[in-house]
Amino acid sequence: SREEKGRLDRDGFLPLPGILSREHAGRLGT
C-alpha cells in the first residue's frame, strides 16, 4: 500500500505480519 511504502521510506523498516503461519514458522525452525 501507499502507507506501507511511505513507512519504509520514512522509518527504514516495515513489518509484514502473517507472511507465515505460526505452524509454518515452526516447521522452518525444526
mmCIF file of all heavy atoms, coordinates in Angstrom:
data_MODEL
# 
_entry.id   MODEL 
# 
loop_
_atom_site.group_PDB 
_atom_site.id 
_atom_site.type_symbol 
_atom_site.label_atom_id 
_atom_site.label_alt_id 
_atom_site.label_comp_id 
_atom_site.label_asym_id 
_atom_site.label_entity_id 
_atom_site.label_seq_id 
_atom_site.pdbx_PDB_ins_code 
_atom_site.Cartn_x 
_atom_site.Cartn_y 
_atom_site.Cartn_z 
_atom_site.occupancy 
_atom_site.B_iso_or_equiv 
_atom_site.pdbx_formal_charge 
_atom_site.auth_seq_id 
_atom_site.auth_comp_id 
_atom_site.auth_asym_id 
_atom_site.auth_atom_id 
_atom_site.pdbx_PDB_model_num 
ATOM 1   N N   . SER A 1 1  ? 0.832  -1.196  0.000  1.00 0.00 ? 1  SER A N   1 
ATOM 2   C CA  . SER A 1 1  ? 0.000  0.000   0.000  1.00 0.00 ? 1  SER A CA  1 
ATOM 3   C C   . SER A 1 1  ? 0.873  1.254   0.000  1.00 0.00 ? 1  SER A C   1 
ATOM 4   O O   . SER A 1 1  ? 2.075  1.206   0.283  1.00 0.00 ? 1  SER A O   1 
ATOM 5   C CB  . SER A 1 1  ? -0.905 0.012   1.229  1.00 0.00 ? 1  SER A CB  1 
ATOM 6   O OG  . SER A 1 1  ? -0.134 0.202   2.409  1.00 0.00 ? 1  SER A OG  1 
ATOM 7   N N   . ARG A 1 2  ? 0.258  2.382   -0.298 1.00 0.00 ? 2  ARG A N   1 
ATOM 8   C CA  . ARG A 1 2  ? 0.981  3.648   -0.250 1.00 0.00 ? 2  ARG A CA  1 
ATOM 9   C C   . ARG A 1 2  ? 1.516  3.912   1.155  1.00 0.00 ? 2  ARG A C   1 
ATOM 10  O O   . ARG A 1 2  ? 2.633  4.407   1.332  1.00 0.00 ? 2  ARG A O   1 
ATOM 11  C CB  . ARG A 1 2  ? 0.054  4.791   -0.674 1.00 0.00 ? 2  ARG A CB  1 
ATOM 12  C CG  . ARG A 1 2  ? 0.718  6.159   -0.678 1.00 0.00 ? 2  ARG A CG  1 
ATOM 13  C CD  . ARG A 1 2  ? -0.242 7.237   -1.122 1.00 0.00 ? 2  ARG A CD  1 
ATOM 14  N NE  . ARG A 1 2  ? -0.725 7.006   -2.466 1.00 0.00 ? 2  ARG A NE  1 
ATOM 15  C CZ  . ARG A 1 2  ? -1.626 7.780   -3.083 1.00 0.00 ? 2  ARG A CZ  1 
ATOM 16  N NH1 . ARG A 1 2  ? -2.127 8.839   -2.449 1.00 0.00 ? 2  ARG A NH1 1 
ATOM 17  N NH2 . ARG A 1 2  ? -2.009 7.506   -4.309 1.00 0.00 ? 2  ARG A NH2 1 
ATOM 18  N N   . GLU A 1 3  ? 0.719  3.562   2.161  1.00 0.00 ? 3  GLU A N   1 
ATOM 19  C CA  . GLU A 1 3  ? 1.139  3.772   3.543  1.00 0.00 ? 3  GLU A CA  1 
ATOM 20  C C   . GLU A 1 3  ? 2.350  2.897   3.892  1.00 0.00 ? 3  GLU A C   1 
ATOM 21  O O   . GLU A 1 3  ? 3.275  3.339   4.587  1.00 0.00 ? 3  GLU A O   1 
ATOM 22  C CB  . GLU A 1 3  ? -0.025 3.477   4.491  1.00 0.00 ? 3  GLU A CB  1 
ATOM 23  C CG  . GLU A 1 3  ? -1.164 4.472   4.447  1.00 0.00 ? 3  GLU A CG  1 
ATOM 24  C CD  . GLU A 1 3  ? -2.033 4.330   3.200  1.00 0.00 ? 3  GLU A CD  1 
ATOM 25  O OE1 . GLU A 1 3  ? -1.991 3.242   2.553  1.00 0.00 ? 3  GLU A OE1 1 
ATOM 26  O OE2 . GLU A 1 3  ? -2.745 5.305   2.847  1.00 0.00 ? 3  GLU A OE2 1 
ATOM 27  N N   . GLU A 1 4  ? 2.344  1.660   3.410  1.00 0.00 ? 4  GLU A N   1 
ATOM 28  C CA  . GLU A 1 4  ? 3.474  0.769   3.676  1.00 0.00 ? 4  GLU A CA  1 
ATOM 29  C C   . GLU A 1 4  ? 4.746  1.274   3.009  1.00 0.00 ? 4  GLU A C   1 
ATOM 30  O O   . GLU A 1 4  ? 5.826  1.268   3.613  1.00 0.00 ? 4  GLU A O   1 
ATOM 31  C CB  . GLU A 1 4  ? 3.146  -0.647  3.212  1.00 0.00 ? 4  GLU A CB  1 
ATOM 32  C CG  . GLU A 1 4  ? 2.117  -1.338  4.094  1.00 0.00 ? 4  GLU A CG  1 
ATOM 33  C CD  . GLU A 1 4  ? 1.640  -2.655  3.517  1.00 0.00 ? 4  GLU A CD  1 
ATOM 34  O OE1 . GLU A 1 4  ? 1.553  -2.786  2.265  1.00 0.00 ? 4  GLU A OE1 1 
ATOM 35  O OE2 . GLU A 1 4  ? 1.337  -3.559  4.320  1.00 0.00 ? 4  GLU A OE2 1 
ATOM 36  N N   . LYS A 1 5  ? 4.630  1.720   1.783  1.00 0.00 ? 5  LYS A N   1 
ATOM 37  C CA  . LYS A 1 5  ? 5.799  2.272   1.097  1.00 0.00 ? 5  LYS A CA  1 
ATOM 38  C C   . LYS A 1 5  ? 6.315  3.520   1.820  1.00 0.00 ? 5  LYS A C   1 
ATOM 39  O O   . LYS A 1 5  ? 7.532  3.703   1.968  1.00 0.00 ? 5  LYS A O   1 
ATOM 40  C CB  . LYS A 1 5  ? 5.452  2.604   -0.348 1.00 0.00 ? 5  LYS A CB  1 
ATOM 41  C CG  . LYS A 1 5  ? 5.139  1.382   -1.207 1.00 0.00 ? 5  LYS A CG  1 
ATOM 42  C CD  . LYS A 1 5  ? 4.662  1.798   -2.599 1.00 0.00 ? 5  LYS A CD  1 
ATOM 43  C CE  . LYS A 1 5  ? 4.282  0.592   -3.443 1.00 0.00 ? 5  LYS A CE  1 
ATOM 44  N NZ  . LYS A 1 5  ? 3.745  0.989   -4.780 1.00 0.00 ? 5  LYS A NZ  1 
ATOM 45  N N   . GLY A 1 6  ? 5.389  4.338   2.278  1.00 0.00 ? 6  GLY A N   1 
ATOM 46  C CA  . GLY A 1 6  ? 5.784  5.546   2.995  1.00 0.00 ? 6  GLY A CA  1 
ATOM 47  C C   . GLY A 1 6  ? 6.503  5.237   4.292  1.00 0.00 ? 6  GLY A C   1 
ATOM 48  O O   . GLY A 1 6  ? 7.480  5.914   4.654  1.00 0.00 ? 6  GLY A O   1 
ATOM 49  N N   . ARG A 1 7  ? 6.035  4.213   4.989  1.00 0.00 ? 7  ARG A N   1 
ATOM 50  C CA  . ARG A 1 7  ? 6.697  3.830   6.239  1.00 0.00 ? 7  ARG A CA  1 
ATOM 51  C C   . ARG A 1 7  ? 8.106  3.306   5.973  1.00 0.00 ? 7  ARG A C   1 
ATOM 52  O O   . ARG A 1 7  ? 9.039  3.607   6.718  1.00 0.00 ? 7  ARG A O   1 
ATOM 53  C CB  . ARG A 1 7  ? 5.865  2.784   6.962  1.00 0.00 ? 7  ARG A CB  1 
ATOM 54  C CG  . ARG A 1 7  ? 6.435  2.389   8.306  1.00 0.00 ? 7  ARG A CG  1 
ATOM 55  C CD  . ARG A 1 7  ? 5.512  1.474   9.080  1.00 0.00 ? 7  ARG A CD  1 
ATOM 56  N NE  . ARG A 1 7  ? 6.093  1.140   10.371 1.00 0.00 ? 7  ARG A NE  1 
ATOM 57  C CZ  . ARG A 1 7  ? 5.523  0.338   11.259 1.00 0.00 ? 7  ARG A CZ  1 
ATOM 58  N NH1 . ARG A 1 7  ? 4.343  -0.205  11.000 1.00 0.00 ? 7  ARG A NH1 1 
ATOM 59  N NH2 . ARG A 1 7  ? 6.120  0.079   12.407 1.00 0.00 ? 7  ARG A NH2 1 
ATOM 60  N N   . LEU A 1 8  ? 8.253  2.542   4.910  1.00 0.00 ? 8  LEU A N   1 
ATOM 61  C CA  . LEU A 1 8  ? 9.568  2.023   4.554  1.00 0.00 ? 8  LEU A CA  1 
ATOM 62  C C   . LEU A 1 8  ? 10.513 3.163   4.200  1.00 0.00 ? 8  LEU A C   1 
ATOM 63  O O   . LEU A 1 8  ? 11.696 3.147   4.582  1.00 0.00 ? 8  LEU A O   1 
ATOM 64  C CB  . LEU A 1 8  ? 9.410  1.047   3.392  1.00 0.00 ? 8  LEU A CB  1 
ATOM 65  C CG  . LEU A 1 8  ? 10.559 0.113   3.035  1.00 0.00 ? 8  LEU A CG  1 
ATOM 66  C CD1 . LEU A 1 8  ? 11.083 -0.638  4.251  1.00 0.00 ? 8  LEU A CD1 1 
ATOM 67  C CD2 . LEU A 1 8  ? 10.109 -0.865  1.953  1.00 0.00 ? 8  LEU A CD2 1 
ATOM 68  N N   . ASP A 1 9  ? 10.014 4.162   3.501  1.00 0.00 ? 9  ASP A N   1 
ATOM 69  C CA  . ASP A 1 9  ? 10.836 5.333   3.168  1.00 0.00 ? 9  ASP A CA  1 
ATOM 70  C C   . ASP A 1 9  ? 11.209 6.120   4.418  1.00 0.00 ? 9  ASP A C   1 
ATOM 71  O O   . ASP A 1 9  ? 12.369 6.502   4.596  1.00 0.00 ? 9  ASP A O   1 
ATOM 72  C CB  . ASP A 1 9  ? 10.074 6.260   2.216  1.00 0.00 ? 9  ASP A CB  1 
ATOM 73  C CG  . ASP A 1 9  ? 9.904  5.672   0.830  1.00 0.00 ? 9  ASP A CG  1 
ATOM 74  O OD1 . ASP A 1 9  ? 10.681 4.776   0.461  1.00 0.00 ? 9  ASP A OD1 1 
ATOM 75  O OD2 . ASP A 1 9  ? 8.971  6.106   0.122  1.00 0.00 ? 9  ASP A OD2 1 
ATOM 76  N N   . ARG A 1 10 ? 10.224 6.354   5.272  1.00 0.00 ? 10 ARG A N   1 
ATOM 77  C CA  . ARG A 1 10 ? 10.426 7.230   6.427  1.00 0.00 ? 10 ARG A CA  1 
ATOM 78  C C   . ARG A 1 10 ? 11.237 6.559   7.540  1.00 0.00 ? 10 ARG A C   1 
ATOM 79  O O   . ARG A 1 10 ? 12.235 7.094   8.020  1.00 0.00 ? 10 ARG A O   1 
ATOM 80  C CB  . ARG A 1 10 ? 9.063  7.670   6.973  1.00 0.00 ? 10 ARG A CB  1 
ATOM 81  C CG  . ARG A 1 10 ? 9.150  8.612   8.169  1.00 0.00 ? 10 ARG A CG  1 
ATOM 82  C CD  . ARG A 1 10 ? 7.773  8.857   8.773  1.00 0.00 ? 10 ARG A CD  1 
ATOM 83  N NE  . ARG A 1 10 ? 7.249  7.657   9.425  1.00 0.00 ? 10 ARG A NE  1 
ATOM 84  C CZ  . ARG A 1 10 ? 6.158  6.998   9.023  1.00 0.00 ? 10 ARG A CZ  1 
ATOM 85  N NH1 . ARG A 1 10 ? 5.484  7.413   7.952  1.00 0.00 ? 10 ARG A NH1 1 
ATOM 86  N NH2 . ARG A 1 10 ? 5.743  5.923   9.679  1.00 0.00 ? 10 ARG A NH2 1 
ATOM 87  N N   . ASP A 1 11 ? 10.784 5.384   7.947  1.00 0.00 ? 11 ASP A N   1 
ATOM 88  C CA  . ASP A 1 11 ? 11.369 4.709   9.109  1.00 0.00 ? 11 ASP A CA  1 
ATOM 89  C C   . ASP A 1 11 ? 12.526 3.791   8.742  1.00 0.00 ? 11 ASP A C   1 
ATOM 90  O O   . ASP A 1 11 ? 13.377 3.489   9.581  1.00 0.00 ? 11 ASP A O   1 
ATOM 91  C CB  . ASP A 1 11 ? 10.307 3.886   9.835  1.00 0.00 ? 11 ASP A CB  1 
ATOM 92  C CG  . ASP A 1 11 ? 9.178  4.739   10.372 1.00 0.00 ? 11 ASP A CG  1 
ATOM 93  O OD1 . ASP A 1 11 ? 9.407  5.935   10.623 1.00 0.00 ? 11 ASP A OD1 1 
ATOM 94  O OD2 . ASP A 1 11 ? 8.057  4.201   10.555 1.00 0.00 ? 11 ASP A OD2 1 
ATOM 95  N N   . GLY A 1 12 ? 12.520 3.277   7.508  1.00 0.00 ? 12 GLY A N   1 
ATOM 96  C CA  . GLY A 1 12 ? 13.568 2.352   7.087  1.00 0.00 ? 12 GLY A CA  1 
ATOM 97  C C   . GLY A 1 12 ? 13.255 0.898   7.351  1.00 0.00 ? 12 GLY A C   1 
ATOM 98  O O   . GLY A 1 12 ? 14.077 0.029   7.070  1.00 0.00 ? 12 GLY A O   1 
ATOM 99  N N   . PHE A 1 13 ? 12.072 0.610   7.882  1.00 0.00 ? 13 PHE A N   1 
ATOM 100 C CA  . PHE A 1 13 ? 11.677 -0.780  8.112  1.00 0.00 ? 13 PHE A CA  1 
ATOM 101 C C   . PHE A 1 13 ? 10.169 -0.903  7.988  1.00 0.00 ? 13 PHE A C   1 
ATOM 102 O O   . PHE A 1 13 ? 9.430  0.076   8.123  1.00 0.00 ? 13 PHE A O   1 
ATOM 103 C CB  . PHE A 1 13 ? 12.146 -1.262  9.491  1.00 0.00 ? 13 PHE A CB  1 
ATOM 104 C CG  . PHE A 1 13 ? 11.473 -0.575  10.654 1.00 0.00 ? 13 PHE A CG  1 
ATOM 105 C CD1 . PHE A 1 13 ? 10.353 -1.129  11.257 1.00 0.00 ? 13 PHE A CD1 1 
ATOM 106 C CD2 . PHE A 1 13 ? 11.975 0.621   11.153 1.00 0.00 ? 13 PHE A CD2 1 
ATOM 107 C CE1 . PHE A 1 13 ? 9.732  -0.491  12.327 1.00 0.00 ? 13 PHE A CE1 1 
ATOM 108 C CE2 . PHE A 1 13 ? 11.369 1.262   12.227 1.00 0.00 ? 13 PHE A CE2 1 
ATOM 109 C CZ  . PHE A 1 13 ? 10.243 0.699   12.810 1.00 0.00 ? 13 PHE A CZ  1 
ATOM 110 N N   . LEU A 1 14 ? 9.718  -2.132  7.704  1.00 0.00 ? 14 LEU A N   1 
ATOM 111 C CA  . LEU A 1 14 ? 8.299  -2.381  7.511  1.00 0.00 ? 14 LEU A CA  1 
ATOM 112 C C   . LEU A 1 14 ? 7.960  -3.784  7.979  1.00 0.00 ? 14 LEU A C   1 
ATOM 113 O O   . LEU A 1 14 ? 8.404  -4.767  7.373  1.00 0.00 ? 14 LEU A O   1 
ATOM 114 C CB  . LEU A 1 14 ? 7.926  -2.230  6.028  1.00 0.00 ? 14 LEU A CB  1 
ATOM 115 C CG  . LEU A 1 14 ? 6.477  -2.570  5.662  1.00 0.00 ? 14 LEU A CG  1 
ATOM 116 C CD1 . LEU A 1 14 ? 5.519  -1.553  6.298  1.00 0.00 ? 14 LEU A CD1 1 
ATOM 117 C CD2 . LEU A 1 14 ? 6.299  -2.605  4.147  1.00 0.00 ? 14 LEU A CD2 1 
ATOM 118 N N   . PRO A 1 15 ? 7.173  -3.931  9.062  1.00 0.00 ? 15 PRO A N   1 
ATOM 119 C CA  . PRO A 1 15 ? 6.710  -5.254  9.467  1.00 0.00 ? 15 PRO A CA  1 
ATOM 120 C C   . PRO A 1 15 ? 5.618  -5.748  8.519  1.00 0.00 ? 15 PRO A C   1 
ATOM 121 O O   . PRO A 1 15 ? 4.697  -5.004  8.174  1.00 0.00 ? 15 PRO A O   1 
ATOM 122 C CB  . PRO A 1 15 ? 6.155  -5.022  10.877 1.00 0.00 ? 15 PRO A CB  1 
ATOM 123 C CG  . PRO A 1 15 ? 6.619  -3.651  11.276 1.00 0.00 ? 15 PRO A CG  1 
ATOM 124 C CD  . PRO A 1 15 ? 6.779  -2.881  10.016 1.00 0.00 ? 15 PRO A CD  1 
ATOM 125 N N   . LEU A 1 16 ? 5.735  -7.000  8.115  1.00 0.00 ? 16 LEU A N   1 
ATOM 126 C CA  . LEU A 1 16 ? 4.723  -7.645  7.277  1.00 0.00 ? 16 LEU A CA  1 
ATOM 127 C C   . LEU A 1 16 ? 4.182  -8.836  8.068  1.00 0.00 ? 16 LEU A C   1 
ATOM 128 O O   . LEU A 1 16 ? 4.731  -9.933  8.020  1.00 0.00 ? 16 LEU A O   1 
ATOM 129 C CB  . LEU A 1 16 ? 5.355  -8.103  5.961  1.00 0.00 ? 16 LEU A CB  1 
ATOM 130 C CG  . LEU A 1 16 ? 5.951  -7.009  5.076  1.00 0.00 ? 16 LEU A CG  1 
ATOM 131 C CD1 . LEU A 1 16 ? 6.671  -7.634  3.883  1.00 0.00 ? 16 LEU A CD1 1 
ATOM 132 C CD2 . LEU A 1 16 ? 4.865  -6.040  4.594  1.00 0.00 ? 16 LEU A CD2 1 
ATOM 133 N N   . PRO A 1 17 ? 3.102  -8.624  8.825  1.00 0.00 ? 17 PRO A N   1 
ATOM 134 C CA  . PRO A 1 17 ? 2.588  -9.709  9.673  1.00 0.00 ? 17 PRO A CA  1 
ATOM 135 C C   . PRO A 1 17 ? 1.929  -10.797 8.853  1.00 0.00 ? 17 PRO A C   1 
ATOM 136 O O   . PRO A 1 17 ? 1.394  -10.559 7.766  1.00 0.00 ? 17 PRO A O   1 
ATOM 137 C CB  . PRO A 1 17 ? 1.580  -8.995  10.573 1.00 0.00 ? 17 PRO A CB  1 
ATOM 138 C CG  . PRO A 1 17 ? 1.176  -7.774  9.815  1.00 0.00 ? 17 PRO A CG  1 
ATOM 139 C CD  . PRO A 1 17 ? 2.364  -7.367  9.005  1.00 0.00 ? 17 PRO A CD  1 
ATOM 140 N N   . GLY A 1 18 ? 1.996  -12.023 9.369  1.00 0.00 ? 18 GLY A N   1 
ATOM 141 C CA  . GLY A 1 18 ? 1.255  -13.128 8.771  1.00 0.00 ? 18 GLY A CA  1 
ATOM 142 C C   . GLY A 1 18 ? 1.807  -13.643 7.463  1.00 0.00 ? 18 GLY A C   1 
ATOM 143 O O   . GLY A 1 18 ? 1.091  -14.348 6.743  1.00 0.00 ? 18 GLY A O   1 
ATOM 144 N N   . ILE A 1 19 ? 3.039  -13.336 7.121  1.00 0.00 ? 19 ILE A N   1 
ATOM 145 C CA  . ILE A 1 19 ? 3.620  -13.902 5.905  1.00 0.00 ? 19 ILE A CA  1 
ATOM 146 C C   . ILE A 1 19 ? 3.657  -15.430 6.029  1.00 0.00 ? 19 ILE A C   1 
ATOM 147 O O   . ILE A 1 19 ? 3.375  -16.168 5.078  1.00 0.00 ? 19 ILE A O   1 
ATOM 148 C CB  . ILE A 1 19 ? 5.030  -13.348 5.655  1.00 0.00 ? 19 ILE A CB  1 
ATOM 149 C CG1 . ILE A 1 19 ? 4.985  -11.841 5.370  1.00 0.00 ? 19 ILE A CG1 1 
ATOM 150 C CG2 . ILE A 1 19 ? 5.721  -14.096 4.515  1.00 0.00 ? 19 ILE A CG2 1 
ATOM 151 C CD1 . ILE A 1 19 ? 4.326  -11.465 4.062  1.00 0.00 ? 19 ILE A CD1 1 
ATOM 152 N N   . LEU A 1 20 ? 4.002  -15.905 7.215  1.00 0.00 ? 20 LEU A N   1 
ATOM 153 C CA  . LEU A 1 20 ? 3.963  -17.329 7.528  1.00 0.00 ? 20 LEU A CA  1 
ATOM 154 C C   . LEU A 1 20 ? 2.965  -17.554 8.656  1.00 0.00 ? 20 LEU A C   1 
ATOM 155 O O   . LEU A 1 20 ? 2.797  -16.691 9.524  1.00 0.00 ? 20 LEU A O   1 
ATOM 156 C CB  . LEU A 1 20 ? 5.339  -17.830 7.992  1.00 0.00 ? 20 LEU A CB  1 
ATOM 157 C CG  . LEU A 1 20 ? 6.544  -17.611 7.091  1.00 0.00 ? 20 LEU A CG  1 
ATOM 158 C CD1 . LEU A 1 20 ? 7.811  -18.066 7.810  1.00 0.00 ? 20 LEU A CD1 1 
ATOM 159 C CD2 . LEU A 1 20 ? 6.376  -18.357 5.772  1.00 0.00 ? 20 LEU A CD2 1 
ATOM 160 N N   . SER A 1 21 ? 2.328  -18.697 8.654  1.00 0.00 ? 21 SER A N   1 
ATOM 161 C CA  . SER A 1 21 ? 1.562  -19.079 9.827  1.00 0.00 ? 21 SER A CA  1 
ATOM 162 C C   . SER A 1 21 ? 2.527  -19.462 10.936 1.00 0.00 ? 21 SER A C   1 
ATOM 163 O O   . SER A 1 21 ? 3.708  -19.748 10.695 1.00 0.00 ? 21 SER A O   1 
ATOM 164 C CB  . SER A 1 21 ? 0.639  -20.258 9.512  1.00 0.00 ? 21 SER A CB  1 
ATOM 165 O OG  . SER A 1 21 ? 1.406  -21.429 9.262  1.00 0.00 ? 21 SER A OG  1 
ATOM 166 N N   . ARG A 1 22 ? 2.035  -19.474 12.168 1.00 0.00 ? 22 ARG A N   1 
ATOM 167 C CA  . ARG A 1 22 ? 2.882  -19.893 13.280 1.00 0.00 ? 22 ARG A CA  1 
ATOM 168 C C   . ARG A 1 22 ? 3.376  -21.327 13.063 1.00 0.00 ? 22 ARG A C   1 
ATOM 169 O O   . ARG A 1 22 ? 4.524  -21.655 13.375 1.00 0.00 ? 22 ARG A O   1 
ATOM 170 C CB  . ARG A 1 22 ? 2.112  -19.765 14.590 1.00 0.00 ? 22 ARG A CB  1 
ATOM 171 C CG  . ARG A 1 22 ? 2.945  -20.071 15.832 1.00 0.00 ? 22 ARG A CG  1 
ATOM 172 C CD  . ARG A 1 22 ? 2.145  -19.768 17.095 1.00 0.00 ? 22 ARG A CD  1 
ATOM 173 N NE  . ARG A 1 22 ? 1.953  -18.340 17.250 1.00 0.00 ? 22 ARG A NE  1 
ATOM 174 C CZ  . ARG A 1 22 ? 2.810  -17.537 17.871 1.00 0.00 ? 22 ARG A CZ  1 
ATOM 175 N NH1 . ARG A 1 22 ? 3.935  -18.030 18.376 1.00 0.00 ? 22 ARG A NH1 1 
ATOM 176 N NH2 . ARG A 1 22 ? 2.554  -16.254 17.993 1.00 0.00 ? 22 ARG A NH2 1 
ATOM 177 N N   . GLU A 1 23 ? 2.513  -22.183 12.514 1.00 0.00 ? 23 GLU A N   1 
ATOM 178 C CA  . GLU A 1 23 ? 2.883  -23.574 12.261 1.00 0.00 ? 23 GLU A CA  1 
ATOM 179 C C   . GLU A 1 23 ? 3.970  -23.667 11.194 1.00 0.00 ? 23 GLU A C   1 
ATOM 180 O O   . GLU A 1 23 ? 4.919  -24.449 11.322 1.00 0.00 ? 23 GLU A O   1 
ATOM 181 C CB  . GLU A 1 23 ? 1.664  -24.381 11.851 1.00 0.00 ? 23 GLU A CB  1 
ATOM 182 C CG  . GLU A 1 23 ? 0.612  -24.565 12.940 1.00 0.00 ? 23 GLU A CG  1 
ATOM 183 C CD  . GLU A 1 23 ? -0.186 -23.297 13.231 1.00 0.00 ? 23 GLU A CD  1 
ATOM 184 O OE1 . GLU A 1 23 ? -0.239 -22.405 12.351 1.00 0.00 ? 23 GLU A OE1 1 
ATOM 185 O OE2 . GLU A 1 23 ? -0.739 -23.194 14.346 1.00 0.00 ? 23 GLU A OE2 1 
ATOM 186 N N   . HIS A 1 24 ? 3.829  -22.877 10.137 1.00 0.00 ? 24 HIS A N   1 
ATOM 187 C CA  . HIS A 1 24 ? 4.833  -22.864 9.065  1.00 0.00 ? 24 HIS A CA  1 
ATOM 188 C C   . HIS A 1 24 ? 6.179  -22.385 9.608  1.00 0.00 ? 24 HIS A C   1 
ATOM 189 O O   . HIS A 1 24 ? 7.238  -22.971 9.319  1.00 0.00 ? 24 HIS A O   1 
ATOM 190 C CB  . HIS A 1 24 ? 4.351  -21.964 7.930  1.00 0.00 ? 24 HIS A CB  1 
ATOM 191 C CG  . HIS A 1 24 ? 5.160  -22.059 6.682  1.00 0.00 ? 24 HIS A CG  1 
ATOM 192 N ND1 . HIS A 1 24 ? 4.834  -21.370 5.530  1.00 0.00 ? 24 HIS A ND1 1 
ATOM 193 C CD2 . HIS A 1 24 ? 6.299  -22.744 6.387  1.00 0.00 ? 24 HIS A CD2 1 
ATOM 194 C CE1 . HIS A 1 24 ? 5.737  -21.637 4.590  1.00 0.00 ? 24 HIS A CE1 1 
ATOM 195 N NE2 . HIS A 1 24 ? 6.637  -22.465 5.085  1.00 0.00 ? 24 HIS A NE2 1 
ATOM 196 N N   . ALA A 1 25 ? 6.151  -21.329 10.412 1.00 0.00 ? 25 ALA A N   1 
ATOM 197 C CA  . ALA A 1 25 ? 7.384  -20.832 11.015 1.00 0.00 ? 25 ALA A CA  1 
ATOM 198 C C   . ALA A 1 25 ? 8.048  -21.907 11.866 1.00 0.00 ? 25 ALA A C   1 
ATOM 199 O O   . ALA A 1 25 ? 9.273  -22.091 11.834 1.00 0.00 ? 25 ALA A O   1 
ATOM 200 C CB  . ALA A 1 25 ? 7.096  -19.587 11.852 1.00 0.00 ? 25 ALA A CB  1 
ATOM 201 N N   . GLY A 1 26 ? 7.234  -22.644 12.606 1.00 0.00 ? 26 GLY A N   1 
ATOM 202 C CA  . GLY A 1 26 ? 7.773  -23.714 13.441 1.00 0.00 ? 26 GLY A CA  1 
ATOM 203 C C   . GLY A 1 26 ? 8.419  -24.822 12.626 1.00 0.00 ? 26 GLY A C   1 
ATOM 204 O O   . GLY A 1 26 ? 9.450  -25.372 13.020 1.00 0.00 ? 26 GLY A O   1 
ATOM 205 N N   . ARG A 1 27 ? 7.814  -25.141 11.488 1.00 0.00 ? 27 ARG A N   1 
ATOM 206 C CA  . ARG A 1 27 ? 8.396  -26.186 10.635 1.00 0.00 ? 27 ARG A CA  1 
ATOM 207 C C   . ARG A 1 27 ? 9.743  -25.753 10.085 1.00 0.00 ? 27 ARG A C   1 
ATOM 208 O O   . ARG A 1 27 ? 10.682 -26.572 9.986  1.00 0.00 ? 27 ARG A O   1 
ATOM 209 C CB  . ARG A 1 27 ? 7.439  -26.526 9.489  1.00 0.00 ? 27 ARG A CB  1 
ATOM 210 C CG  . ARG A 1 27 ? 6.172  -27.267 9.934  1.00 0.00 ? 27 ARG A CG  1 
ATOM 211 C CD  . ARG A 1 27 ? 5.459  -27.896 8.754  1.00 0.00 ? 27 ARG A CD  1 
ATOM 212 N NE  . ARG A 1 27 ? 5.015  -26.933 7.765  1.00 0.00 ? 27 ARG A NE  1 
ATOM 213 C CZ  . ARG A 1 27 ? 3.843  -26.296 7.811  1.00 0.00 ? 27 ARG A CZ  1 
ATOM 214 N NH1 . ARG A 1 27 ? 3.004  -26.523 8.821  1.00 0.00 ? 27 ARG A NH1 1 
ATOM 215 N NH2 . ARG A 1 27 ? 3.490  -25.451 6.858  1.00 0.00 ? 27 ARG A NH2 1 
ATOM 216 N N   . LEU A 1 28 ? 9.868  -24.491 9.724  1.00 0.00 ? 28 LEU A N   1 
ATOM 217 C CA  . LEU A 1 28 ? 11.154 -23.997 9.234  1.00 0.00 ? 28 LEU A CA  1 
ATOM 218 C C   . LEU A 1 28 ? 12.212 -24.076 10.338 1.00 0.00 ? 28 LEU A C   1 
ATOM 219 O O   . LEU A 1 28 ? 13.362 -24.464 10.089 1.00 0.00 ? 28 LEU A O   1 
ATOM 220 C CB  . LEU A 1 28 ? 11.014 -22.563 8.731  1.00 0.00 ? 28 LEU A CB  1 
ATOM 221 C CG  . LEU A 1 28 ? 10.192 -22.351 7.456  1.00 0.00 ? 28 LEU A CG  1 
ATOM 222 C CD1 . LEU A 1 28 ? 10.085 -20.872 7.139  1.00 0.00 ? 28 LEU A CD1 1 
ATOM 223 C CD2 . LEU A 1 28 ? 10.781 -23.105 6.274  1.00 0.00 ? 28 LEU A CD2 1 
ATOM 224 N N   . GLY A 1 29 ? 11.825 -23.712 11.548 1.00 0.00 ? 29 GLY A N   1 
ATOM 225 C CA  . GLY A 1 29 ? 12.758 -23.794 12.656 1.00 0.00 ? 29 GLY A CA  1 
ATOM 226 C C   . GLY A 1 29 ? 13.202 -25.218 12.939 1.00 0.00 ? 29 GLY A C   1 
ATOM 227 O O   . GLY A 1 29 ? 14.385 -25.480 13.189 1.00 0.00 ? 29 GLY A O   1 
ATOM 228 N N   . THR A 1 30 ? 12.248 -26.151 12.873 1.00 0.00 ? 30 THR A N   1 
ATOM 229 C CA  . THR A 1 30 ? 12.581 -27.559 13.086 1.00 0.00 ? 30 THR A CA  1 
ATOM 230 C C   . THR A 1 30 ? 13.560 -28.057 12.036 1.00 0.00 ? 30 THR A C   1 
ATOM 231 O O   . THR A 1 30 ? 14.522 -28.781 12.337 1.00 0.00 ? 30 THR A O   1 
ATOM 232 C CB  . THR A 1 30 ? 11.308 -28.418 13.063 1.00 0.00 ? 30 THR A CB  1 
ATOM 233 O OG1 . THR A 1 30 ? 10.453 -28.013 14.144 1.00 0.00 ? 30 THR A OG1 1 
ATOM 234 C CG2 . THR A 1 30 ? 11.633 -29.896 13.203 1.00 0.00 ? 30 THR A CG2 1 
# 
